[in-house]
Amino acid sequence: MRSIRNALLTLTGAILALAVLTPQSSRAEEPRESKTLRVTKECGTATLAKGELTYCTVTASNFRPLVGAKIRYFGPGFFTEDHPFLDSWVVIEGTGGGTAFGHCLLRGVPEPLGACQFTGGSGSLKGFKADVTVTTADGTFWNWRGTRSE
């Protein structure tokens, strides 16, 4: 009986020693996992203050910090009826005080299609990175579909 007890104690000690001595990878060392990003934004309906730059409002997203955010486009090329192309720097102003920045390209003919890439952020959007495809059915509600990492 005593030999079985000693054997169990020795085995338990060996298992504990292996658990302590086996290197554990930290979360910081793991590669950042890409996740699906879905965003619906409404454009062209906001009431602007005098001198305020136009923006789109995120009405839905599977990434909570973006819901309610304002998305502002800074050119140099703007999407208009006479110029159906957008080539613009973009800033997302999150509702939690964070911002993210990126760039979008969009063509409006024969149907709107584009892409945006976000390369960083601050505050609640710190480290935000995303690559999305841009589509619309009606020119007011726009969809982003792609991947994000942080």
N, C-alpha and C. Protein backbone atom coordinates (compact mmCIF):
# COMPACT_ATOMS: atom_id res chain seq x y z
N MET A 1 0.82 -1.18 0.00
CA MET A 1 0.00 0.00 0.00
C MET A 1 0.87 1.25 0.00
N ARG A 2 1.91 1.19 0.83
CA ARG A 2 2.82 2.33 0.93
C ARG A 2 3.53 2.57 -0.40
N SER A 3 3.89 1.52 -1.12
CA SER A 3 4.60 1.69 -2.39
C SER A 3 3.67 2.30 -3.46
N ILE A 4 2.39 1.96 -3.41
CA ILE A 4 1.45 2.56 -4.35
C ILE A 4 1.30 4.05 -4.05
N ARG A 5 1.20 4.37 -2.76
CA ARG A 5 1.08 5.77 -2.36
C ARG A 5 2.31 6.57 -2.77
N ASN A 6 3.50 6.01 -2.57
CA ASN A 6 4.73 6.69 -2.98
C ASN A 6 4.79 6.86 -4.49
N ALA A 7 4.35 5.85 -5.21
CA ALA A 7 4.36 5.93 -6.67
C ALA A 7 3.41 7.03 -7.14
N LEU A 8 2.22 7.11 -6.53
CA LEU A 8 1.26 8.17 -6.89
C LEU A 8 1.81 9.55 -6.56
N LEU A 9 2.45 9.70 -5.42
CA LEU A 9 3.05 11.00 -5.05
C LEU A 9 4.15 11.38 -6.03
N THR A 10 4.97 10.41 -6.40
CA THR A 10 6.06 10.67 -7.35
C THR A 10 5.48 11.07 -8.71
N LEU A 11 4.47 10.37 -9.17
CA LEU A 11 3.83 10.67 -10.45
C LEU A 11 3.18 12.05 -10.42
N THR A 12 2.49 12.38 -9.34
CA THR A 12 1.86 13.70 -9.21
C THR A 12 2.92 14.79 -9.22
N GLY A 13 4.01 14.57 -8.52
CA GLY A 13 5.11 15.55 -8.50
C GLY A 13 5.71 15.75 -9.88
N ALA A 14 5.86 14.67 -10.62
CA ALA A 14 6.43 14.77 -11.97
C ALA A 14 5.49 15.55 -12.89
N ILE A 15 4.20 15.30 -12.78
CA ILE A 15 3.22 16.01 -13.62
C ILE A 15 3.24 17.50 -13.29
N LEU A 16 3.25 17.84 -12.00
CA LEU A 16 3.31 19.25 -11.60
C LEU A 16 4.59 19.92 -12.08
N ALA A 17 5.72 19.22 -11.98
CA ALA A 17 6.99 19.78 -12.44
C ALA A 17 6.96 20.05 -13.94
N LEU A 18 6.40 19.12 -14.70
CA LEU A 18 6.30 19.33 -16.15
C LEU A 18 5.39 20.52 -16.47
N ALA A 19 4.31 20.65 -15.73
CA ALA A 19 3.39 21.76 -15.98
C ALA A 19 4.06 23.10 -15.71
N VAL A 20 4.88 23.17 -14.68
CA VAL A 20 5.56 24.42 -14.33
C VAL A 20 6.70 24.70 -15.30
N LEU A 21 7.42 23.68 -15.70
CA LEU A 21 8.59 23.88 -16.54
C LEU A 21 8.29 23.99 -18.04
N THR A 22 7.12 23.55 -18.47
CA THR A 22 6.77 23.65 -19.88
C THR A 22 6.51 25.10 -20.23
N PRO A 23 7.22 25.63 -21.23
CA PRO A 23 7.01 27.04 -21.59
C PRO A 23 5.59 27.27 -22.10
N GLN A 24 4.99 28.34 -21.62
CA GLN A 24 3.65 28.74 -22.03
C GLN A 24 3.79 29.95 -22.94
N SER A 25 3.10 29.94 -24.08
CA SER A 25 3.15 31.12 -24.94
C SER A 25 2.21 32.17 -24.36
N SER A 26 2.69 33.39 -24.33
CA SER A 26 1.83 34.46 -23.82
C SER A 26 0.91 34.94 -24.93
N ARG A 27 -0.21 35.54 -24.55
CA ARG A 27 -1.19 36.05 -25.52
C ARG A 27 -0.54 37.10 -26.42
N ALA A 28 0.39 37.87 -25.90
CA ALA A 28 1.04 38.92 -26.68
C ALA A 28 1.89 38.33 -27.81
N GLU A 29 2.39 37.10 -27.62
CA GLU A 29 3.24 36.49 -28.64
C GLU A 29 2.43 35.81 -29.74
N GLU A 30 1.17 35.55 -29.49
CA GLU A 30 0.36 34.86 -30.48
C GLU A 30 0.05 35.79 -31.65
N PRO A 31 -0.03 35.23 -32.85
CA PRO A 31 -0.39 36.07 -33.99
C PRO A 31 -1.80 36.61 -33.81
N ARG A 32 -2.02 37.81 -34.31
CA ARG A 32 -3.34 38.42 -34.20
C ARG A 32 -4.30 37.71 -35.14
N GLU A 33 -5.42 37.34 -34.60
CA GLU A 33 -6.41 36.60 -35.36
C GLU A 33 -7.30 37.55 -36.15
N SER A 34 -7.51 37.24 -37.42
CA SER A 34 -8.43 38.04 -38.22
C SER A 34 -9.86 37.60 -37.92
N LYS A 35 -10.74 38.58 -37.90
CA LYS A 35 -12.14 38.31 -37.62
C LYS A 35 -12.98 38.97 -38.70
N THR A 36 -14.14 38.40 -38.96
CA THR A 36 -15.06 38.97 -39.93
C THR A 36 -15.57 40.32 -39.43
N LEU A 37 -15.63 41.29 -40.32
CA LEU A 37 -16.18 42.60 -39.99
C LEU A 37 -17.35 42.89 -40.92
N ARG A 38 -18.47 43.28 -40.30
CA ARG A 38 -19.66 43.69 -41.05
C ARG A 38 -20.09 45.05 -40.53
N VAL A 39 -20.31 45.99 -41.45
CA VAL A 39 -20.73 47.35 -41.09
C VAL A 39 -21.80 47.79 -42.07
N THR A 40 -22.85 48.43 -41.56
CA THR A 40 -23.82 49.14 -42.39
C THR A 40 -23.77 50.59 -41.97
N LYS A 41 -23.64 51.48 -42.94
CA LYS A 41 -23.56 52.91 -42.63
C LYS A 41 -24.54 53.67 -43.50
N GLU A 42 -25.04 54.77 -42.95
CA GLU A 42 -25.98 55.62 -43.65
C GLU A 42 -25.26 56.91 -44.03
N CYS A 43 -25.37 57.28 -45.30
CA CYS A 43 -24.65 58.46 -45.79
C CYS A 43 -25.61 59.47 -46.43
N GLY A 44 -25.26 60.74 -46.24
CA GLY A 44 -26.00 61.79 -46.93
C GLY A 44 -27.25 62.26 -46.24
N THR A 45 -27.54 61.77 -45.05
CA THR A 45 -28.78 62.18 -44.37
C THR A 45 -28.51 62.98 -43.10
N ALA A 46 -27.25 63.13 -42.70
CA ALA A 46 -26.91 63.84 -41.46
C ALA A 46 -27.17 65.34 -41.60
N THR A 47 -27.63 65.95 -40.53
CA THR A 47 -27.77 67.41 -40.48
C THR A 47 -26.44 67.96 -39.99
N LEU A 48 -25.80 68.77 -40.82
CA LEU A 48 -24.46 69.26 -40.52
C LEU A 48 -24.49 70.64 -39.88
N ALA A 49 -23.57 70.85 -38.95
CA ALA A 49 -23.37 72.20 -38.40
C ALA A 49 -22.65 73.03 -39.46
N LYS A 50 -22.76 74.34 -39.38
CA LYS A 50 -22.11 75.22 -40.35
C LYS A 50 -20.61 74.91 -40.39
N GLY A 51 -20.11 74.63 -41.59
CA GLY A 51 -18.70 74.34 -41.78
C GLY A 51 -18.29 72.91 -41.46
N GLU A 52 -19.22 72.08 -41.01
CA GLU A 52 -18.89 70.70 -40.66
C GLU A 52 -18.73 69.86 -41.92
N LEU A 53 -17.71 69.02 -41.92
CA LEU A 53 -17.46 68.11 -43.03
C LEU A 53 -18.49 66.98 -43.00
N THR A 54 -19.03 66.65 -44.16
CA THR A 54 -20.03 65.60 -44.26
C THR A 54 -19.51 64.27 -43.71
N TYR A 55 -20.42 63.44 -43.26
CA TYR A 55 -20.03 62.15 -42.70
C TYR A 55 -21.13 61.13 -42.91
N CYS A 56 -20.75 59.87 -42.74
CA CYS A 56 -21.69 58.76 -42.72
C CYS A 56 -21.77 58.27 -41.28
N THR A 57 -22.90 57.70 -40.89
CA THR A 57 -23.08 57.18 -39.53
C THR A 57 -23.22 55.67 -39.58
N VAL A 58 -22.45 54.97 -38.75
CA VAL A 58 -22.56 53.52 -38.67
C VAL A 58 -23.86 53.19 -37.92
N THR A 59 -24.76 52.49 -38.61
CA THR A 59 -26.05 52.12 -38.01
C THR A 59 -26.04 50.71 -37.45
N ALA A 60 -25.13 49.86 -37.94
CA ALA A 60 -25.03 48.48 -37.44
C ALA A 60 -23.64 47.95 -37.71
N SER A 61 -23.14 47.13 -36.79
CA SER A 61 -21.85 46.48 -36.99
C SER A 61 -21.72 45.33 -35.99
N ASN A 62 -20.98 44.30 -36.39
CA ASN A 62 -20.69 43.22 -35.46
C ASN A 62 -19.49 43.55 -34.59
N PHE A 63 -18.91 44.74 -34.77
CA PHE A 63 -17.81 45.23 -33.93
C PHE A 63 -18.34 46.44 -33.16
N ARG A 64 -18.70 46.22 -31.90
CA ARG A 64 -19.42 47.22 -31.09
C ARG A 64 -18.83 48.62 -31.09
N PRO A 65 -17.50 48.81 -31.01
CA PRO A 65 -16.98 50.18 -30.96
C PRO A 65 -17.30 51.03 -32.20
N LEU A 66 -17.77 50.40 -33.27
CA LEU A 66 -18.10 51.17 -34.48
C LEU A 66 -19.56 51.63 -34.51
N VAL A 67 -20.45 51.01 -33.74
CA VAL A 67 -21.87 51.36 -33.79
C VAL A 67 -22.05 52.81 -33.33
N GLY A 68 -22.66 53.62 -34.20
CA GLY A 68 -22.87 55.04 -33.91
C GLY A 68 -21.72 55.94 -34.33
N ALA A 69 -20.62 55.35 -34.80
CA ALA A 69 -19.44 56.14 -35.18
C ALA A 69 -19.73 56.99 -36.42
N LYS A 70 -18.99 58.11 -36.52
CA LYS A 70 -19.04 58.96 -37.71
C LYS A 70 -17.84 58.60 -38.58
N ILE A 71 -18.10 58.49 -39.88
CA ILE A 71 -17.02 58.20 -40.83
C ILE A 71 -16.90 59.41 -41.74
N ARG A 72 -15.73 60.04 -41.70
CA ARG A 72 -15.50 61.26 -42.50
C ARG A 72 -14.48 60.97 -43.60
N TYR A 73 -14.79 61.52 -44.77
CA TYR A 73 -13.93 61.35 -45.95
C TYR A 73 -13.26 62.69 -46.25
N PHE A 74 -11.94 62.66 -46.46
CA PHE A 74 -11.16 63.89 -46.61
C PHE A 74 -10.58 64.10 -48.00
N GLY A 75 -11.03 63.35 -48.97
CA GLY A 75 -10.52 63.54 -50.33
C GLY A 75 -9.13 62.97 -50.51
N PRO A 76 -8.50 63.26 -51.62
CA PRO A 76 -8.72 64.40 -52.49
C PRO A 76 -9.87 64.24 -53.48
N GLY A 77 -10.28 63.03 -53.80
CA GLY A 77 -11.38 62.87 -54.76
C GLY A 77 -12.67 62.53 -54.06
N PHE A 78 -13.76 63.21 -54.40
CA PHE A 78 -15.04 62.95 -53.76
C PHE A 78 -16.02 62.35 -54.74
N PHE A 79 -16.95 61.58 -54.24
CA PHE A 79 -17.95 60.87 -55.03
C PHE A 79 -19.13 61.80 -55.29
N THR A 80 -19.31 62.22 -56.55
CA THR A 80 -20.44 63.08 -56.95
C THR A 80 -21.02 62.54 -58.25
N GLU A 81 -22.16 63.09 -58.67
CA GLU A 81 -22.76 62.66 -59.95
C GLU A 81 -21.84 62.94 -61.12
N ASP A 82 -21.12 64.06 -61.07
CA ASP A 82 -20.19 64.42 -62.15
C ASP A 82 -18.87 63.68 -62.07
N HIS A 83 -18.56 63.15 -60.92
CA HIS A 83 -17.30 62.45 -60.71
C HIS A 83 -17.58 61.18 -59.90
N PRO A 84 -17.94 60.08 -60.57
CA PRO A 84 -18.38 58.87 -59.86
C PRO A 84 -17.24 58.00 -59.32
N PHE A 85 -16.23 58.64 -58.75
CA PHE A 85 -15.10 57.93 -58.17
C PHE A 85 -14.72 58.59 -56.85
N LEU A 86 -14.34 57.79 -55.88
CA LEU A 86 -13.86 58.30 -54.60
C LEU A 86 -12.46 57.76 -54.37
N ASP A 87 -11.57 58.62 -54.02
CA ASP A 87 -10.20 58.27 -53.65
C ASP A 87 -9.92 59.14 -52.44
N SER A 88 -10.07 58.60 -51.24
CA SER A 88 -10.12 59.46 -50.08
C SER A 88 -9.46 58.85 -48.84
N TRP A 89 -8.84 59.73 -48.07
CA TRP A 89 -8.42 59.38 -46.72
C TRP A 89 -9.66 59.36 -45.86
N VAL A 90 -9.72 58.48 -44.89
CA VAL A 90 -10.91 58.28 -44.08
C VAL A 90 -10.54 58.28 -42.60
N VAL A 91 -11.39 58.91 -41.78
CA VAL A 91 -11.24 58.86 -40.33
C VAL A 91 -12.56 58.39 -39.73
N ILE A 92 -12.49 57.39 -38.87
CA ILE A 92 -13.65 56.93 -38.12
C ILE A 92 -13.57 57.58 -36.74
N GLU A 93 -14.63 58.28 -36.35
CA GLU A 93 -14.72 58.89 -35.03
C GLU A 93 -15.65 58.01 -34.20
N GLY A 94 -15.08 57.18 -33.33
CA GLY A 94 -15.89 56.27 -32.52
C GLY A 94 -16.65 57.01 -31.43
N THR A 95 -17.74 56.43 -30.97
CA THR A 95 -18.54 57.06 -29.92
C THR A 95 -17.84 57.01 -28.57
N GLY A 96 -16.88 56.13 -28.40
CA GLY A 96 -16.15 56.01 -27.14
C GLY A 96 -14.89 56.85 -27.10
N GLY A 97 -14.75 57.80 -28.02
CA GLY A 97 -13.58 58.68 -28.01
C GLY A 97 -12.42 58.20 -28.86
N GLY A 98 -12.53 57.04 -29.48
CA GLY A 98 -11.44 56.54 -30.30
C GLY A 98 -11.56 56.99 -31.74
N THR A 99 -10.44 56.94 -32.45
CA THR A 99 -10.43 57.22 -33.88
C THR A 99 -9.64 56.13 -34.59
N ALA A 100 -9.97 55.92 -35.85
CA ALA A 100 -9.21 55.01 -36.71
C ALA A 100 -9.03 55.71 -38.05
N PHE A 101 -7.99 55.36 -38.74
CA PHE A 101 -7.68 56.04 -39.99
C PHE A 101 -7.38 55.03 -41.08
N GLY A 102 -7.67 55.45 -42.33
CA GLY A 102 -7.43 54.56 -43.45
C GLY A 102 -7.65 55.27 -44.77
N HIS A 103 -7.89 54.48 -45.81
CA HIS A 103 -8.03 55.00 -47.16
C HIS A 103 -9.07 54.17 -47.91
N CYS A 104 -9.90 54.83 -48.72
CA CYS A 104 -10.92 54.15 -49.52
C CYS A 104 -10.82 54.53 -50.98
N LEU A 105 -11.08 53.57 -51.84
CA LEU A 105 -11.22 53.77 -53.29
C LEU A 105 -12.58 53.20 -53.67
N LEU A 106 -13.34 53.95 -54.48
CA LEU A 106 -14.68 53.52 -54.85
C LEU A 106 -15.00 54.01 -56.25
N ARG A 107 -15.60 53.14 -57.03
CA ARG A 107 -16.10 53.54 -58.35
C ARG A 107 -17.62 53.47 -58.33
N GLY A 108 -18.25 54.34 -59.05
CA GLY A 108 -19.71 54.39 -59.05
C GLY A 108 -20.37 53.85 -60.30
N VAL A 109 -19.58 53.46 -61.29
CA VAL A 109 -20.14 52.93 -62.53
C VAL A 109 -19.45 51.62 -62.88
N PRO A 110 -20.08 50.62 -63.41
CA PRO A 110 -21.49 50.56 -63.71
C PRO A 110 -22.35 50.45 -62.44
N GLU A 111 -21.85 49.84 -61.36
CA GLU A 111 -22.53 49.90 -60.07
C GLU A 111 -21.46 50.16 -59.01
N PRO A 112 -21.83 50.79 -57.90
CA PRO A 112 -20.83 51.13 -56.88
C PRO A 112 -20.14 49.89 -56.31
N LEU A 113 -18.83 49.97 -56.28
CA LEU A 113 -18.01 48.92 -55.70
C LEU A 113 -16.69 49.54 -55.29
N GLY A 114 -16.19 49.16 -54.13
CA GLY A 114 -14.93 49.73 -53.69
C GLY A 114 -14.28 48.91 -52.60
N ALA A 115 -13.23 49.50 -52.04
CA ALA A 115 -12.48 48.84 -50.97
C ALA A 115 -11.91 49.91 -50.04
N CYS A 116 -11.84 49.57 -48.77
CA CYS A 116 -11.20 50.43 -47.78
C CYS A 116 -10.21 49.61 -46.98
N GLN A 117 -9.14 50.27 -46.57
CA GLN A 117 -8.15 49.64 -45.71
C GLN A 117 -7.86 50.59 -44.56
N PHE A 118 -8.00 50.07 -43.34
CA PHE A 118 -7.70 50.84 -42.13
C PHE A 118 -6.44 50.27 -41.51
N THR A 119 -5.53 51.18 -41.13
CA THR A 119 -4.20 50.74 -40.70
C THR A 119 -3.85 51.08 -39.26
N GLY A 120 -4.77 51.63 -38.50
CA GLY A 120 -4.48 51.91 -37.10
C GLY A 120 -5.52 52.80 -36.48
N GLY A 121 -5.37 53.00 -35.18
CA GLY A 121 -6.32 53.84 -34.48
C GLY A 121 -5.84 54.17 -33.09
N SER A 122 -6.69 54.89 -32.35
CA SER A 122 -6.36 55.28 -30.98
C SER A 122 -7.60 55.16 -30.11
N GLY A 123 -7.41 55.29 -28.80
CA GLY A 123 -8.53 55.21 -27.87
C GLY A 123 -9.24 53.87 -27.97
N SER A 124 -10.58 53.91 -28.05
CA SER A 124 -11.36 52.68 -28.12
C SER A 124 -11.12 51.91 -29.43
N LEU A 125 -10.48 52.55 -30.41
CA LEU A 125 -10.16 51.89 -31.68
C LEU A 125 -8.66 51.67 -31.85
N LYS A 126 -7.93 51.67 -30.74
CA LYS A 126 -6.47 51.49 -30.77
C LYS A 126 -6.13 50.18 -31.48
N GLY A 127 -5.22 50.27 -32.44
CA GLY A 127 -4.76 49.10 -33.16
C GLY A 127 -5.74 48.56 -34.19
N PHE A 128 -6.83 49.28 -34.45
CA PHE A 128 -7.84 48.80 -35.39
C PHE A 128 -7.25 48.69 -36.79
N LYS A 129 -7.37 47.51 -37.38
CA LYS A 129 -6.93 47.28 -38.75
C LYS A 129 -8.03 46.50 -39.46
N ALA A 130 -8.33 46.90 -40.69
CA ALA A 130 -9.39 46.21 -41.43
C ALA A 130 -9.19 46.37 -42.92
N ASP A 131 -9.63 45.38 -43.65
CA ASP A 131 -9.70 45.41 -45.11
C ASP A 131 -11.12 45.02 -45.48
N VAL A 132 -11.85 45.93 -46.15
CA VAL A 132 -13.26 45.67 -46.44
C VAL A 132 -13.59 45.97 -47.90
N THR A 133 -14.61 45.30 -48.39
CA THR A 133 -15.22 45.59 -49.68
C THR A 133 -16.43 46.46 -49.42
N VAL A 134 -16.65 47.45 -50.27
CA VAL A 134 -17.74 48.41 -50.09
C VAL A 134 -18.78 48.22 -51.18
N THR A 135 -20.06 48.10 -50.77
CA THR A 135 -21.16 47.98 -51.73
C THR A 135 -22.36 48.80 -51.23
N THR A 136 -23.30 49.05 -52.13
CA THR A 136 -24.56 49.70 -51.76
C THR A 136 -25.64 49.23 -52.71
N ALA A 137 -26.87 49.25 -52.22
CA ALA A 137 -28.01 48.93 -53.08
C ALA A 137 -28.74 50.19 -53.49
N ASP A 138 -28.65 51.25 -52.65
CA ASP A 138 -29.45 52.45 -52.93
C ASP A 138 -28.69 53.77 -52.84
N GLY A 139 -27.40 53.76 -52.52
CA GLY A 139 -26.62 54.99 -52.43
C GLY A 139 -26.76 55.72 -51.10
N THR A 140 -27.65 55.26 -50.23
CA THR A 140 -27.79 55.85 -48.89
C THR A 140 -27.21 54.92 -47.85
N PHE A 141 -27.60 53.65 -47.90
CA PHE A 141 -27.05 52.65 -46.97
C PHE A 141 -25.96 51.88 -47.68
N TRP A 142 -24.79 51.86 -47.05
CA TRP A 142 -23.60 51.23 -47.62
C TRP A 142 -23.15 50.11 -46.70
N ASN A 143 -22.56 49.08 -47.29
CA ASN A 143 -22.11 47.91 -46.54
C ASN A 143 -20.61 47.72 -46.68
N TRP A 144 -19.99 47.40 -45.57
CA TRP A 144 -18.58 46.97 -45.55
C TRP A 144 -18.59 45.52 -45.13
N ARG A 145 -17.84 44.70 -45.87
CA ARG A 145 -17.67 43.30 -45.53
C ARG A 145 -16.19 42.96 -45.70
N GLY A 146 -15.61 42.37 -44.67
CA GLY A 146 -14.20 42.02 -44.77
C GLY A 146 -13.67 41.44 -43.48
N THR A 147 -12.41 41.73 -43.19
CA THR A 147 -11.77 41.21 -42.00
C THR A 147 -11.15 42.36 -41.20
N ARG A 148 -11.03 42.13 -39.90
CA ARG A 148 -10.39 43.11 -39.02
C ARG A 148 -9.46 42.36 -38.07
N SER A 149 -8.50 43.09 -37.57
CA SER A 149 -7.63 42.57 -36.53
C SER A 149 -7.30 43.75 -35.63
N GLU A 150 -6.90 43.45 -34.40
CA GLU A 150 -6.53 44.50 -33.47
C GLU A 150 -5.42 44.03 -32.58
